[in-house]
N, C-alpha and C. Protein backbone atom coordinates (compact mmCIF):
# COMPACT_ATOMS: atom_id res chain seq x y z
N UNK A 1 -4.06 -2.89 -18.75
CA UNK A 1 -4.77 -3.80 -17.84
C UNK A 1 -5.51 -3.00 -16.76
N UNK A 2 -4.84 -1.96 -16.24
CA UNK A 2 -5.45 -1.13 -15.21
C UNK A 2 -6.70 -0.43 -15.76
N UNK A 3 -6.63 -0.02 -17.02
CA UNK A 3 -7.78 0.64 -17.65
C UNK A 3 -8.97 -0.30 -17.70
N UNK A 4 -8.72 -1.54 -18.05
CA UNK A 4 -9.79 -2.54 -18.13
C UNK A 4 -10.44 -2.73 -16.77
N UNK A 5 -9.63 -2.77 -15.72
CA UNK A 5 -10.15 -2.94 -14.36
C UNK A 5 -11.08 -1.78 -13.99
N UNK A 6 -10.63 -0.56 -14.26
CA UNK A 6 -11.45 0.61 -13.93
C UNK A 6 -12.73 0.66 -14.75
N UNK A 7 -12.65 0.30 -16.01
CA UNK A 7 -13.83 0.30 -16.88
C UNK A 7 -14.85 -0.71 -16.40
N UNK A 8 -14.40 -1.91 -16.06
CA UNK A 8 -15.31 -2.96 -15.58
C UNK A 8 -15.94 -2.53 -14.24
N UNK A 9 -15.12 -1.97 -13.35
CA UNK A 9 -15.63 -1.52 -12.06
C UNK A 9 -16.69 -0.43 -12.24
N UNK A 10 -16.42 0.51 -13.15
CA UNK A 10 -17.38 1.58 -13.42
C UNK A 10 -18.67 1.02 -14.00
N UNK A 11 -18.54 0.05 -14.89
CA UNK A 11 -19.73 -0.57 -15.49
C UNK A 11 -20.59 -1.25 -14.43
N UNK A 12 -19.96 -1.97 -13.51
CA UNK A 12 -20.69 -2.68 -12.46
C UNK A 12 -21.38 -1.69 -11.51
N UNK A 13 -20.71 -0.59 -11.20
CA UNK A 13 -21.33 0.44 -10.37
C UNK A 13 -22.54 1.01 -11.10
N UNK A 14 -22.39 1.27 -12.38
CA UNK A 14 -23.50 1.79 -13.16
C UNK A 14 -24.66 0.83 -13.26
N UNK A 15 -24.39 -0.46 -13.15
CA UNK A 15 -25.44 -1.48 -13.28
C UNK A 15 -26.37 -1.56 -12.07
N UNK A 16 -26.00 -0.91 -10.97
CA UNK A 16 -26.86 -0.91 -9.79
C UNK A 16 -28.10 -0.06 -10.06
N UNK A 17 -29.28 -0.66 -9.97
CA UNK A 17 -30.52 0.07 -10.27
C UNK A 17 -31.17 0.57 -8.98
N UNK A 18 -31.11 1.86 -8.76
CA UNK A 18 -31.72 2.43 -7.57
C UNK A 18 -33.23 2.53 -7.70
N UNK A 19 -33.75 2.46 -8.92
CA UNK A 19 -35.20 2.44 -9.10
C UNK A 19 -35.78 1.15 -8.51
N UNK A 20 -35.12 0.05 -8.78
CA UNK A 20 -35.56 -1.24 -8.24
C UNK A 20 -35.33 -1.29 -6.73
N UNK A 21 -34.18 -0.80 -6.29
CA UNK A 21 -33.86 -0.81 -4.86
C UNK A 21 -34.84 0.04 -4.07
N UNK A 22 -35.09 1.28 -4.52
CA UNK A 22 -35.99 2.17 -3.79
C UNK A 22 -37.42 1.64 -3.81
N UNK A 23 -37.83 1.03 -4.91
CA UNK A 23 -39.18 0.47 -4.99
C UNK A 23 -39.36 -0.66 -3.97
N UNK A 24 -38.34 -1.46 -3.79
CA UNK A 24 -38.41 -2.53 -2.80
C UNK A 24 -38.43 -1.96 -1.38
N UNK A 25 -37.63 -0.92 -1.16
CA UNK A 25 -37.58 -0.30 0.16
C UNK A 25 -38.92 0.32 0.55
N UNK A 26 -39.64 0.87 -0.43
CA UNK A 26 -40.93 1.51 -0.17
C UNK A 26 -42.12 0.60 -0.50
N UNK A 27 -41.83 -0.68 -0.70
CA UNK A 27 -42.89 -1.67 -0.98
C UNK A 27 -43.76 -1.27 -2.18
N UNK A 28 -43.11 -0.79 -3.21
CA UNK A 28 -43.80 -0.40 -4.44
C UNK A 28 -43.64 -1.49 -5.49
N UNK A 29 -44.51 -1.49 -6.50
CA UNK A 29 -44.35 -2.46 -7.59
C UNK A 29 -43.03 -2.23 -8.31
N UNK A 30 -42.55 -3.25 -8.96
CA UNK A 30 -41.34 -3.12 -9.77
C UNK A 30 -41.58 -2.03 -10.82
N UNK A 31 -40.69 -1.03 -10.92
CA UNK A 31 -40.92 0.07 -11.87
C UNK A 31 -40.99 -0.37 -13.32
N UNK A 32 -40.54 -1.59 -13.59
CA UNK A 32 -40.62 -2.10 -14.95
C UNK A 32 -42.00 -2.65 -15.29
N UNK A 33 -42.90 -2.64 -14.28
CA UNK A 33 -44.22 -3.24 -14.48
C UNK A 33 -45.33 -2.21 -14.70
N UNK A 34 -45.01 -0.93 -14.71
CA UNK A 34 -46.05 0.08 -14.90
C UNK A 34 -45.49 1.30 -15.62
N UNK A 35 -46.39 2.21 -16.00
CA UNK A 35 -45.96 3.43 -16.67
C UNK A 35 -45.19 3.14 -17.94
N UNK A 36 -44.04 3.76 -18.07
CA UNK A 36 -43.20 3.55 -19.25
C UNK A 36 -42.41 2.25 -19.18
N UNK A 37 -42.40 1.63 -17.99
CA UNK A 37 -41.62 0.40 -17.81
C UNK A 37 -40.15 0.67 -17.63
N UNK A 38 -39.79 1.93 -17.52
CA UNK A 38 -38.39 2.32 -17.39
C UNK A 38 -37.98 2.37 -15.92
N UNK A 39 -36.91 1.67 -15.54
CA UNK A 39 -36.44 1.72 -14.16
C UNK A 39 -35.65 2.99 -13.89
N UNK A 40 -36.39 4.11 -13.78
CA UNK A 40 -35.76 5.40 -13.53
C UNK A 40 -36.61 6.25 -12.62
N UNK A 41 -36.09 7.40 -12.24
CA UNK A 41 -36.76 8.26 -11.27
C UNK A 41 -38.11 8.78 -11.77
N UNK A 42 -38.20 9.17 -13.03
CA UNK A 42 -39.45 9.71 -13.56
C UNK A 42 -40.56 8.68 -13.49
N UNK A 43 -40.24 7.44 -13.82
CA UNK A 43 -41.27 6.40 -13.78
C UNK A 43 -41.64 6.04 -12.35
N UNK A 44 -40.66 6.02 -11.46
CA UNK A 44 -40.95 5.75 -10.05
C UNK A 44 -41.87 6.84 -9.49
N UNK A 45 -41.68 8.06 -9.95
CA UNK A 45 -42.54 9.17 -9.52
C UNK A 45 -43.99 8.91 -9.88
N UNK A 46 -44.24 8.18 -10.96
CA UNK A 46 -45.61 7.88 -11.37
C UNK A 46 -46.33 6.96 -10.38
N UNK A 47 -45.55 6.35 -9.48
CA UNK A 47 -46.18 5.52 -8.44
C UNK A 47 -46.86 6.39 -7.40
N UNK A 48 -46.50 7.68 -7.39
CA UNK A 48 -47.07 8.61 -6.42
C UNK A 48 -46.21 8.76 -5.18
N UNK A 49 -45.11 8.01 -5.11
CA UNK A 49 -44.23 8.05 -3.95
C UNK A 49 -43.01 8.94 -4.27
N UNK A 50 -43.10 10.19 -3.86
CA UNK A 50 -42.04 11.14 -4.19
C UNK A 50 -40.71 10.79 -3.53
N UNK A 51 -40.78 10.24 -2.32
CA UNK A 51 -39.54 9.89 -1.61
C UNK A 51 -38.78 8.80 -2.36
N UNK A 52 -39.51 7.84 -2.91
CA UNK A 52 -38.88 6.76 -3.67
C UNK A 52 -38.25 7.30 -4.94
N UNK A 53 -38.94 8.23 -5.59
CA UNK A 53 -38.40 8.84 -6.81
C UNK A 53 -37.15 9.66 -6.49
N UNK A 54 -37.18 10.37 -5.35
CA UNK A 54 -36.04 11.18 -4.94
C UNK A 54 -34.82 10.31 -4.64
N UNK A 55 -35.06 9.18 -3.98
CA UNK A 55 -33.98 8.26 -3.68
C UNK A 55 -33.39 7.67 -4.96
N UNK A 56 -34.26 7.36 -5.91
CA UNK A 56 -33.81 6.83 -7.20
C UNK A 56 -32.94 7.86 -7.91
N UNK A 57 -33.42 9.09 -7.95
CA UNK A 57 -32.67 10.16 -8.61
C UNK A 57 -31.32 10.36 -7.95
N UNK A 58 -31.32 10.42 -6.63
CA UNK A 58 -30.07 10.64 -5.90
C UNK A 58 -29.10 9.49 -6.11
N UNK A 59 -29.59 8.26 -6.01
CA UNK A 59 -28.74 7.09 -6.16
C UNK A 59 -28.14 6.97 -7.55
N UNK A 60 -28.98 7.15 -8.56
CA UNK A 60 -28.49 7.01 -9.93
C UNK A 60 -27.51 8.12 -10.29
N UNK A 61 -27.76 9.32 -9.78
CA UNK A 61 -26.83 10.43 -10.04
C UNK A 61 -25.52 10.22 -9.28
N UNK A 62 -25.63 9.76 -8.05
CA UNK A 62 -24.44 9.58 -7.21
C UNK A 62 -23.48 8.53 -7.78
N UNK A 63 -24.04 7.44 -8.31
CA UNK A 63 -23.14 6.41 -8.84
C UNK A 63 -22.37 6.93 -10.06
N UNK A 64 -23.01 7.78 -10.87
CA UNK A 64 -22.31 8.37 -12.00
C UNK A 64 -21.23 9.32 -11.54
N UNK A 65 -21.57 10.15 -10.55
CA UNK A 65 -20.59 11.10 -10.02
C UNK A 65 -19.43 10.37 -9.37
N UNK A 66 -19.72 9.35 -8.57
CA UNK A 66 -18.69 8.64 -7.81
C UNK A 66 -17.65 8.00 -8.73
N UNK A 67 -18.11 7.34 -9.78
CA UNK A 67 -17.19 6.65 -10.68
C UNK A 67 -16.22 7.64 -11.32
N UNK A 68 -16.74 8.78 -11.77
CA UNK A 68 -15.90 9.77 -12.44
C UNK A 68 -15.01 10.49 -11.43
N UNK A 69 -15.55 10.80 -10.27
CA UNK A 69 -14.78 11.48 -9.22
C UNK A 69 -13.58 10.64 -8.81
N UNK A 70 -13.80 9.36 -8.58
CA UNK A 70 -12.71 8.47 -8.17
C UNK A 70 -11.65 8.39 -9.27
N UNK A 71 -12.13 8.28 -10.53
CA UNK A 71 -11.18 8.19 -11.65
C UNK A 71 -10.30 9.43 -11.73
N UNK A 72 -10.88 10.60 -11.52
CA UNK A 72 -10.11 11.84 -11.56
C UNK A 72 -9.16 11.95 -10.36
N UNK A 73 -9.64 11.55 -9.18
CA UNK A 73 -8.81 11.61 -7.98
C UNK A 73 -7.62 10.67 -8.07
N UNK A 74 -7.77 9.58 -8.80
CA UNK A 74 -6.68 8.63 -8.97
C UNK A 74 -5.73 9.05 -10.09
N UNK A 75 -5.99 10.24 -10.62
CA UNK A 75 -5.13 10.84 -11.66
C UNK A 75 -5.04 9.98 -12.91
N UNK A 76 -6.17 9.39 -13.28
CA UNK A 76 -6.19 8.66 -14.54
C UNK A 76 -6.06 9.64 -15.70
N UNK A 77 -5.64 9.14 -16.83
CA UNK A 77 -5.48 10.00 -17.99
C UNK A 77 -6.85 10.48 -18.49
N UNK A 78 -6.83 11.49 -19.33
CA UNK A 78 -8.08 12.03 -19.85
C UNK A 78 -8.85 10.99 -20.65
N UNK A 79 -8.14 10.15 -21.37
CA UNK A 79 -8.78 9.07 -22.13
C UNK A 79 -9.40 8.05 -21.18
N UNK A 80 -8.66 7.68 -20.14
CA UNK A 80 -9.17 6.71 -19.17
C UNK A 80 -10.42 7.24 -18.46
N UNK A 81 -10.41 8.51 -18.09
CA UNK A 81 -11.58 9.11 -17.45
C UNK A 81 -12.78 9.07 -18.41
N UNK A 82 -12.54 9.37 -19.67
CA UNK A 82 -13.61 9.34 -20.68
C UNK A 82 -14.19 7.93 -20.80
N UNK A 83 -13.33 6.93 -20.72
CA UNK A 83 -13.80 5.53 -20.80
C UNK A 83 -14.62 5.16 -19.57
N UNK A 84 -14.20 5.66 -18.40
CA UNK A 84 -14.96 5.43 -17.17
C UNK A 84 -16.33 6.10 -17.27
N UNK A 85 -16.36 7.32 -17.82
CA UNK A 85 -17.62 8.05 -18.04
C UNK A 85 -18.59 7.19 -18.84
N UNK A 86 -18.12 6.66 -19.96
CA UNK A 86 -18.99 5.86 -20.82
C UNK A 86 -19.35 4.52 -20.18
N UNK A 87 -18.41 3.95 -19.42
CA UNK A 87 -18.66 2.64 -18.80
C UNK A 87 -19.76 2.72 -17.75
N UNK A 88 -19.71 3.72 -16.87
CA UNK A 88 -20.73 3.82 -15.82
C UNK A 88 -22.09 4.17 -16.45
N UNK A 89 -22.08 4.97 -17.50
CA UNK A 89 -23.32 5.32 -18.19
C UNK A 89 -23.92 4.10 -18.89
N UNK A 90 -23.08 3.35 -19.58
CA UNK A 90 -23.56 2.13 -20.26
C UNK A 90 -24.03 1.09 -19.24
N UNK A 91 -23.38 1.07 -18.07
CA UNK A 91 -23.81 0.15 -17.03
C UNK A 91 -25.24 0.42 -16.61
N UNK A 92 -25.61 1.71 -16.58
CA UNK A 92 -26.98 2.07 -16.19
C UNK A 92 -28.00 1.66 -17.25
N UNK A 93 -27.70 1.91 -18.51
CA UNK A 93 -28.69 1.60 -19.54
C UNK A 93 -28.66 0.14 -19.99
N UNK A 94 -27.53 -0.54 -19.73
CA UNK A 94 -27.43 -1.97 -20.04
C UNK A 94 -26.90 -2.72 -18.82
N UNK A 95 -27.64 -2.73 -17.71
CA UNK A 95 -27.14 -3.33 -16.47
C UNK A 95 -27.11 -4.86 -16.50
N UNK A 96 -25.98 -5.39 -16.13
CA UNK A 96 -25.85 -6.84 -16.11
C UNK A 96 -26.80 -7.46 -15.08
N UNK A 97 -27.14 -6.72 -14.02
CA UNK A 97 -28.00 -7.25 -12.96
C UNK A 97 -29.48 -7.28 -13.35
N UNK A 98 -29.85 -6.57 -14.43
CA UNK A 98 -31.24 -6.55 -14.88
C UNK A 98 -31.36 -7.07 -16.30
N UNK A 99 -30.48 -8.01 -16.64
CA UNK A 99 -30.48 -8.63 -17.96
C UNK A 99 -30.35 -7.58 -19.07
N UNK A 100 -29.54 -6.58 -18.81
CA UNK A 100 -29.17 -5.55 -19.78
C UNK A 100 -30.35 -4.67 -20.22
N UNK A 101 -31.37 -4.59 -19.37
CA UNK A 101 -32.53 -3.73 -19.65
C UNK A 101 -32.64 -2.70 -18.53
N UNK A 102 -31.97 -1.58 -18.72
CA UNK A 102 -31.92 -0.58 -17.67
C UNK A 102 -32.68 0.69 -17.97
N UNK A 103 -32.30 1.75 -17.25
CA UNK A 103 -32.97 3.03 -17.40
C UNK A 103 -32.47 3.80 -18.60
N UNK A 104 -32.96 5.01 -18.73
CA UNK A 104 -32.60 5.83 -19.89
C UNK A 104 -31.35 6.66 -19.65
N UNK A 105 -30.92 6.75 -18.40
CA UNK A 105 -29.61 7.32 -18.13
C UNK A 105 -29.55 8.80 -17.80
N UNK A 106 -30.69 9.44 -17.62
CA UNK A 106 -30.69 10.88 -17.40
C UNK A 106 -30.00 11.25 -16.08
N UNK A 107 -30.43 10.64 -14.97
CA UNK A 107 -29.84 10.97 -13.67
C UNK A 107 -28.36 10.58 -13.61
N UNK A 108 -28.03 9.43 -14.17
CA UNK A 108 -26.63 9.00 -14.17
C UNK A 108 -25.77 9.93 -15.01
N UNK A 109 -26.33 10.39 -16.13
CA UNK A 109 -25.61 11.35 -16.98
C UNK A 109 -25.34 12.64 -16.21
N UNK A 110 -26.33 13.09 -15.43
CA UNK A 110 -26.14 14.28 -14.62
C UNK A 110 -25.00 14.08 -13.62
N UNK A 111 -25.00 12.94 -12.96
CA UNK A 111 -23.93 12.65 -12.01
C UNK A 111 -22.57 12.63 -12.67
N UNK A 112 -22.51 12.03 -13.85
CA UNK A 112 -21.27 11.98 -14.61
C UNK A 112 -20.77 13.39 -14.95
N UNK A 113 -21.69 14.23 -15.40
CA UNK A 113 -21.31 15.61 -15.76
C UNK A 113 -20.81 16.38 -14.54
N UNK A 114 -21.47 16.17 -13.40
CA UNK A 114 -21.01 16.81 -12.16
C UNK A 114 -19.63 16.31 -11.76
N UNK A 115 -19.39 15.03 -12.02
CA UNK A 115 -18.08 14.46 -11.71
C UNK A 115 -16.99 15.02 -12.58
N UNK A 116 -17.30 15.26 -13.85
CA UNK A 116 -16.31 15.82 -14.77
C UNK A 116 -15.99 17.26 -14.41
N UNK A 117 -17.04 18.03 -14.13
CA UNK A 117 -16.86 19.43 -13.79
C UNK A 117 -18.15 19.94 -13.15
N UNK A 118 -18.05 20.53 -11.98
CA UNK A 118 -19.24 20.98 -11.25
C UNK A 118 -20.06 21.96 -12.09
N UNK A 119 -19.37 22.90 -12.75
CA UNK A 119 -20.09 23.90 -13.54
C UNK A 119 -20.78 23.28 -14.75
N UNK A 120 -20.17 22.25 -15.30
CA UNK A 120 -20.79 21.53 -16.41
C UNK A 120 -22.08 20.88 -15.95
N UNK A 121 -22.02 20.19 -14.81
CA UNK A 121 -23.21 19.53 -14.27
C UNK A 121 -24.30 20.51 -13.91
N UNK A 122 -23.91 21.61 -13.27
CA UNK A 122 -24.90 22.61 -12.86
C UNK A 122 -25.54 23.28 -14.07
N UNK A 123 -24.77 23.50 -15.11
CA UNK A 123 -25.31 24.11 -16.32
C UNK A 123 -26.34 23.19 -16.97
N UNK A 124 -26.01 21.90 -17.03
CA UNK A 124 -26.95 20.92 -17.60
C UNK A 124 -28.20 20.82 -16.73
N UNK A 125 -28.01 20.83 -15.40
CA UNK A 125 -29.15 20.76 -14.48
C UNK A 125 -30.05 21.98 -14.64
N UNK A 126 -29.45 23.15 -14.76
CA UNK A 126 -30.23 24.37 -14.93
C UNK A 126 -31.04 24.32 -16.23
N UNK A 127 -30.42 23.78 -17.28
CA UNK A 127 -31.13 23.64 -18.56
C UNK A 127 -32.32 22.71 -18.40
N UNK A 128 -32.09 21.59 -17.69
CA UNK A 128 -33.19 20.64 -17.46
C UNK A 128 -34.33 21.30 -16.69
N UNK A 129 -33.98 22.02 -15.63
CA UNK A 129 -35.00 22.64 -14.79
C UNK A 129 -35.83 23.66 -15.56
N UNK A 130 -35.17 24.48 -16.35
CA UNK A 130 -35.88 25.50 -17.13
C UNK A 130 -36.85 24.84 -18.11
N UNK A 131 -36.37 23.83 -18.82
CA UNK A 131 -37.22 23.15 -19.81
C UNK A 131 -38.36 22.39 -19.12
N UNK A 132 -38.05 21.78 -17.97
CA UNK A 132 -39.08 21.02 -17.24
C UNK A 132 -40.17 21.95 -16.71
N UNK A 133 -39.77 23.09 -16.19
CA UNK A 133 -40.74 24.05 -15.66
C UNK A 133 -41.58 24.66 -16.77
N UNK A 134 -40.97 24.89 -17.91
CA UNK A 134 -41.69 25.51 -19.02
C UNK A 134 -42.66 24.55 -19.71
N UNK A 135 -42.22 23.31 -19.92
CA UNK A 135 -43.00 22.38 -20.74
C UNK A 135 -43.53 21.16 -20.00
N UNK A 136 -42.98 20.86 -18.81
CA UNK A 136 -43.46 19.74 -17.99
C UNK A 136 -43.26 18.37 -18.64
N UNK A 137 -42.27 18.28 -19.51
CA UNK A 137 -41.92 17.00 -20.12
C UNK A 137 -40.50 16.64 -19.70
N UNK A 138 -40.35 15.56 -18.95
CA UNK A 138 -39.03 15.16 -18.48
C UNK A 138 -38.12 14.78 -19.65
N UNK A 139 -38.67 14.08 -20.64
CA UNK A 139 -37.87 13.63 -21.77
C UNK A 139 -37.34 14.82 -22.58
N UNK A 140 -38.19 15.79 -22.83
CA UNK A 140 -37.78 16.98 -23.58
C UNK A 140 -36.71 17.75 -22.83
N UNK A 141 -36.88 17.87 -21.52
CA UNK A 141 -35.90 18.57 -20.69
C UNK A 141 -34.56 17.83 -20.71
N UNK A 142 -34.63 16.50 -20.62
CA UNK A 142 -33.41 15.69 -20.60
C UNK A 142 -32.66 15.78 -21.92
N UNK A 143 -33.38 15.70 -23.02
CA UNK A 143 -32.75 15.75 -24.33
C UNK A 143 -32.13 17.12 -24.60
N UNK A 144 -32.80 18.17 -24.16
CA UNK A 144 -32.27 19.52 -24.34
C UNK A 144 -30.99 19.71 -23.52
N UNK A 145 -31.03 19.26 -22.26
CA UNK A 145 -29.86 19.37 -21.39
C UNK A 145 -28.69 18.55 -21.94
N UNK A 146 -29.00 17.36 -22.45
CA UNK A 146 -27.95 16.50 -23.01
C UNK A 146 -27.36 17.12 -24.27
N UNK A 147 -28.20 17.75 -25.07
CA UNK A 147 -27.72 18.40 -26.30
C UNK A 147 -26.81 19.58 -25.98
N UNK A 148 -27.08 20.24 -24.88
CA UNK A 148 -26.27 21.40 -24.47
C UNK A 148 -24.97 21.00 -23.78
N UNK A 149 -24.93 19.79 -23.20
CA UNK A 149 -23.77 19.37 -22.42
C UNK A 149 -22.45 19.42 -23.19
N UNK A 150 -22.37 18.86 -24.41
CA UNK A 150 -21.09 18.95 -25.13
C UNK A 150 -20.68 20.39 -25.42
N UNK A 151 -21.67 21.25 -25.66
CA UNK A 151 -21.38 22.66 -25.91
C UNK A 151 -20.82 23.31 -24.65
N UNK A 152 -21.48 23.03 -23.50
CA UNK A 152 -20.99 23.56 -22.24
C UNK A 152 -19.58 23.06 -21.94
N UNK A 153 -19.36 21.77 -22.20
CA UNK A 153 -18.04 21.18 -21.93
C UNK A 153 -16.96 21.84 -22.77
N UNK A 154 -17.30 22.12 -24.02
CA UNK A 154 -16.34 22.79 -24.91
C UNK A 154 -16.06 24.22 -24.44
N UNK A 155 -17.11 24.93 -24.08
CA UNK A 155 -16.95 26.32 -23.64
C UNK A 155 -16.16 26.42 -22.33
N UNK A 156 -16.28 25.37 -21.49
CA UNK A 156 -15.54 25.35 -20.23
C UNK A 156 -14.08 24.94 -20.41
N UNK A 157 -13.73 24.58 -21.62
CA UNK A 157 -12.36 24.21 -21.91
C UNK A 157 -11.96 22.85 -21.38
N UNK A 158 -12.92 21.94 -21.26
CA UNK A 158 -12.61 20.59 -20.77
C UNK A 158 -11.88 19.80 -21.85
N UNK A 159 -11.17 18.74 -21.46
CA UNK A 159 -10.43 17.94 -22.45
C UNK A 159 -11.35 17.45 -23.57
N UNK A 160 -10.82 17.40 -24.77
CA UNK A 160 -11.65 17.02 -25.92
C UNK A 160 -12.21 15.60 -25.78
N UNK A 161 -11.46 14.75 -25.05
CA UNK A 161 -11.97 13.39 -24.83
C UNK A 161 -13.25 13.42 -24.00
N UNK A 162 -13.32 14.34 -23.05
CA UNK A 162 -14.51 14.47 -22.22
C UNK A 162 -15.66 15.08 -23.01
N UNK A 163 -15.33 16.03 -23.87
CA UNK A 163 -16.35 16.62 -24.73
C UNK A 163 -16.94 15.52 -25.63
N UNK A 164 -16.07 14.69 -26.18
CA UNK A 164 -16.51 13.59 -27.04
C UNK A 164 -17.37 12.61 -26.26
N UNK A 165 -16.97 12.29 -25.03
CA UNK A 165 -17.74 11.37 -24.20
C UNK A 165 -19.14 11.90 -23.93
N UNK A 166 -19.24 13.21 -23.66
CA UNK A 166 -20.55 13.81 -23.42
C UNK A 166 -21.39 13.78 -24.69
N UNK A 167 -20.73 13.90 -25.85
CA UNK A 167 -21.44 13.79 -27.13
C UNK A 167 -21.96 12.39 -27.37
N UNK A 168 -21.18 11.40 -27.01
CA UNK A 168 -21.62 10.01 -27.16
C UNK A 168 -22.79 9.73 -26.23
N UNK A 169 -22.74 10.26 -25.01
CA UNK A 169 -23.87 10.11 -24.09
C UNK A 169 -25.13 10.74 -24.68
N UNK A 170 -24.97 11.89 -25.35
CA UNK A 170 -26.11 12.54 -26.00
C UNK A 170 -26.75 11.61 -27.03
N UNK A 171 -25.92 10.99 -27.87
CA UNK A 171 -26.44 10.09 -28.90
C UNK A 171 -27.16 8.89 -28.27
N UNK A 172 -26.59 8.36 -27.19
CA UNK A 172 -27.23 7.23 -26.50
C UNK A 172 -28.54 7.65 -25.86
N UNK A 173 -28.58 8.86 -25.31
CA UNK A 173 -29.82 9.36 -24.71
C UNK A 173 -30.90 9.56 -25.76
N UNK A 174 -30.52 10.06 -26.92
CA UNK A 174 -31.49 10.21 -28.01
C UNK A 174 -32.04 8.85 -28.40
N UNK A 175 -31.15 7.88 -28.51
CA UNK A 175 -31.58 6.53 -28.88
C UNK A 175 -32.51 5.93 -27.81
N UNK A 176 -32.17 6.12 -26.55
CA UNK A 176 -32.98 5.58 -25.46
C UNK A 176 -34.33 6.30 -25.34
N UNK A 177 -34.40 7.50 -25.87
CA UNK A 177 -35.64 8.29 -25.80
C UNK A 177 -36.41 8.30 -27.12
N UNK A 178 -36.09 7.38 -28.01
CA UNK A 178 -36.73 7.42 -29.33
C UNK A 178 -38.25 7.29 -29.24
N UNK A 179 -38.75 6.47 -28.31
CA UNK A 179 -40.19 6.35 -28.14
C UNK A 179 -40.78 7.63 -27.57
N UNK A 180 -40.06 8.25 -26.63
CA UNK A 180 -40.51 9.52 -26.07
C UNK A 180 -40.57 10.61 -27.14
N UNK A 181 -39.60 10.60 -28.04
CA UNK A 181 -39.58 11.58 -29.12
C UNK A 181 -40.80 11.39 -30.02
N UNK A 182 -41.12 10.13 -30.30
CA UNK A 182 -42.32 9.85 -31.11
C UNK A 182 -43.58 10.32 -30.39
N UNK A 183 -43.63 10.08 -29.07
CA UNK A 183 -44.80 10.50 -28.29
C UNK A 183 -44.91 12.02 -28.22
N UNK A 184 -43.76 12.70 -28.11
CA UNK A 184 -43.76 14.16 -28.08
C UNK A 184 -44.32 14.72 -29.39
N UNK A 185 -43.87 14.14 -30.49
CA UNK A 185 -44.32 14.60 -31.80
C UNK A 185 -45.80 14.32 -32.01
N UNK A 186 -46.29 13.22 -31.37
CA UNK A 186 -47.70 12.85 -31.52
C UNK A 186 -48.58 13.47 -30.44
N UNK A 187 -47.96 14.20 -29.48
CA UNK A 187 -48.73 14.81 -28.40
C UNK A 187 -49.22 13.82 -27.37
N UNK A 188 -48.51 12.70 -27.23
CA UNK A 188 -48.95 11.64 -26.32
C UNK A 188 -48.01 11.43 -25.13
N UNK A 189 -46.98 12.25 -25.04
CA UNK A 189 -45.99 12.07 -23.97
C UNK A 189 -46.58 12.46 -22.61
N UNK A 190 -46.35 11.62 -21.60
CA UNK A 190 -46.84 11.90 -20.26
C UNK A 190 -46.06 13.04 -19.64
N UNK A 191 -46.74 13.90 -18.92
CA UNK A 191 -46.09 15.04 -18.27
C UNK A 191 -45.53 14.64 -16.91
N UNK A 192 -44.60 15.42 -16.41
CA UNK A 192 -43.95 15.16 -15.13
C UNK A 192 -44.99 15.15 -14.01
N UNK A 193 -44.91 14.11 -13.16
CA UNK A 193 -45.80 14.03 -12.00
C UNK A 193 -47.10 13.31 -12.27
N UNK A 194 -47.35 12.95 -13.53
CA UNK A 194 -48.60 12.24 -13.83
C UNK A 194 -48.49 10.81 -13.37
N UNK A 195 -49.45 10.36 -12.57
CA UNK A 195 -49.42 9.01 -12.06
C UNK A 195 -49.86 8.03 -13.11
N UNK A 196 -49.30 6.83 -13.05
CA UNK A 196 -49.66 5.80 -14.01
C UNK A 196 -51.05 5.25 -13.71
N UNK A 197 -51.78 4.94 -14.78
CA UNK A 197 -53.10 4.32 -14.60
C UNK A 197 -52.99 2.81 -14.43
N UNK A 198 -51.80 2.31 -14.71
CA UNK A 198 -51.63 0.86 -14.63
C UNK A 198 -51.58 0.42 -13.18
């Protein structure tokens, strides 16, 4: 019963959309109405308001970190922590407050990884930064970092349940980025910082 309570709480925390919140705070259009239509930091950045994008990134990452950090501090079992990891992540991509149409989960995944292990999160972040600087594609950087996360988690000796959870997040991220993958292959993917024409 306690596990169910923590999972539901993590899901609800994950359902909070900081892209929508920051857009309202900065009097910007709803992020679902322009660009990729994704309520995430990269799309908010296309509005040209870097502060709003930064707030979105920070908020979405923090909610992922907070859920996992609290679960670990409460000495939940490794399985329970893994369930909290997936619940907060699923809350972001399927938020009950936005009719289950949420973001792609990159920032929240980063927060989750930082919550599981600081070195795991930093390793994934470093991978993202290197790929983003080299190629200027947020989606490619995110997918590469996500693909490396289970490997990093394994090498760091984290519980196998956490390694599995990071692998499941990778599969969900691939699924959420399927259109981006098609655009990358077709040479049509928007680069980081490009403002929307819409």
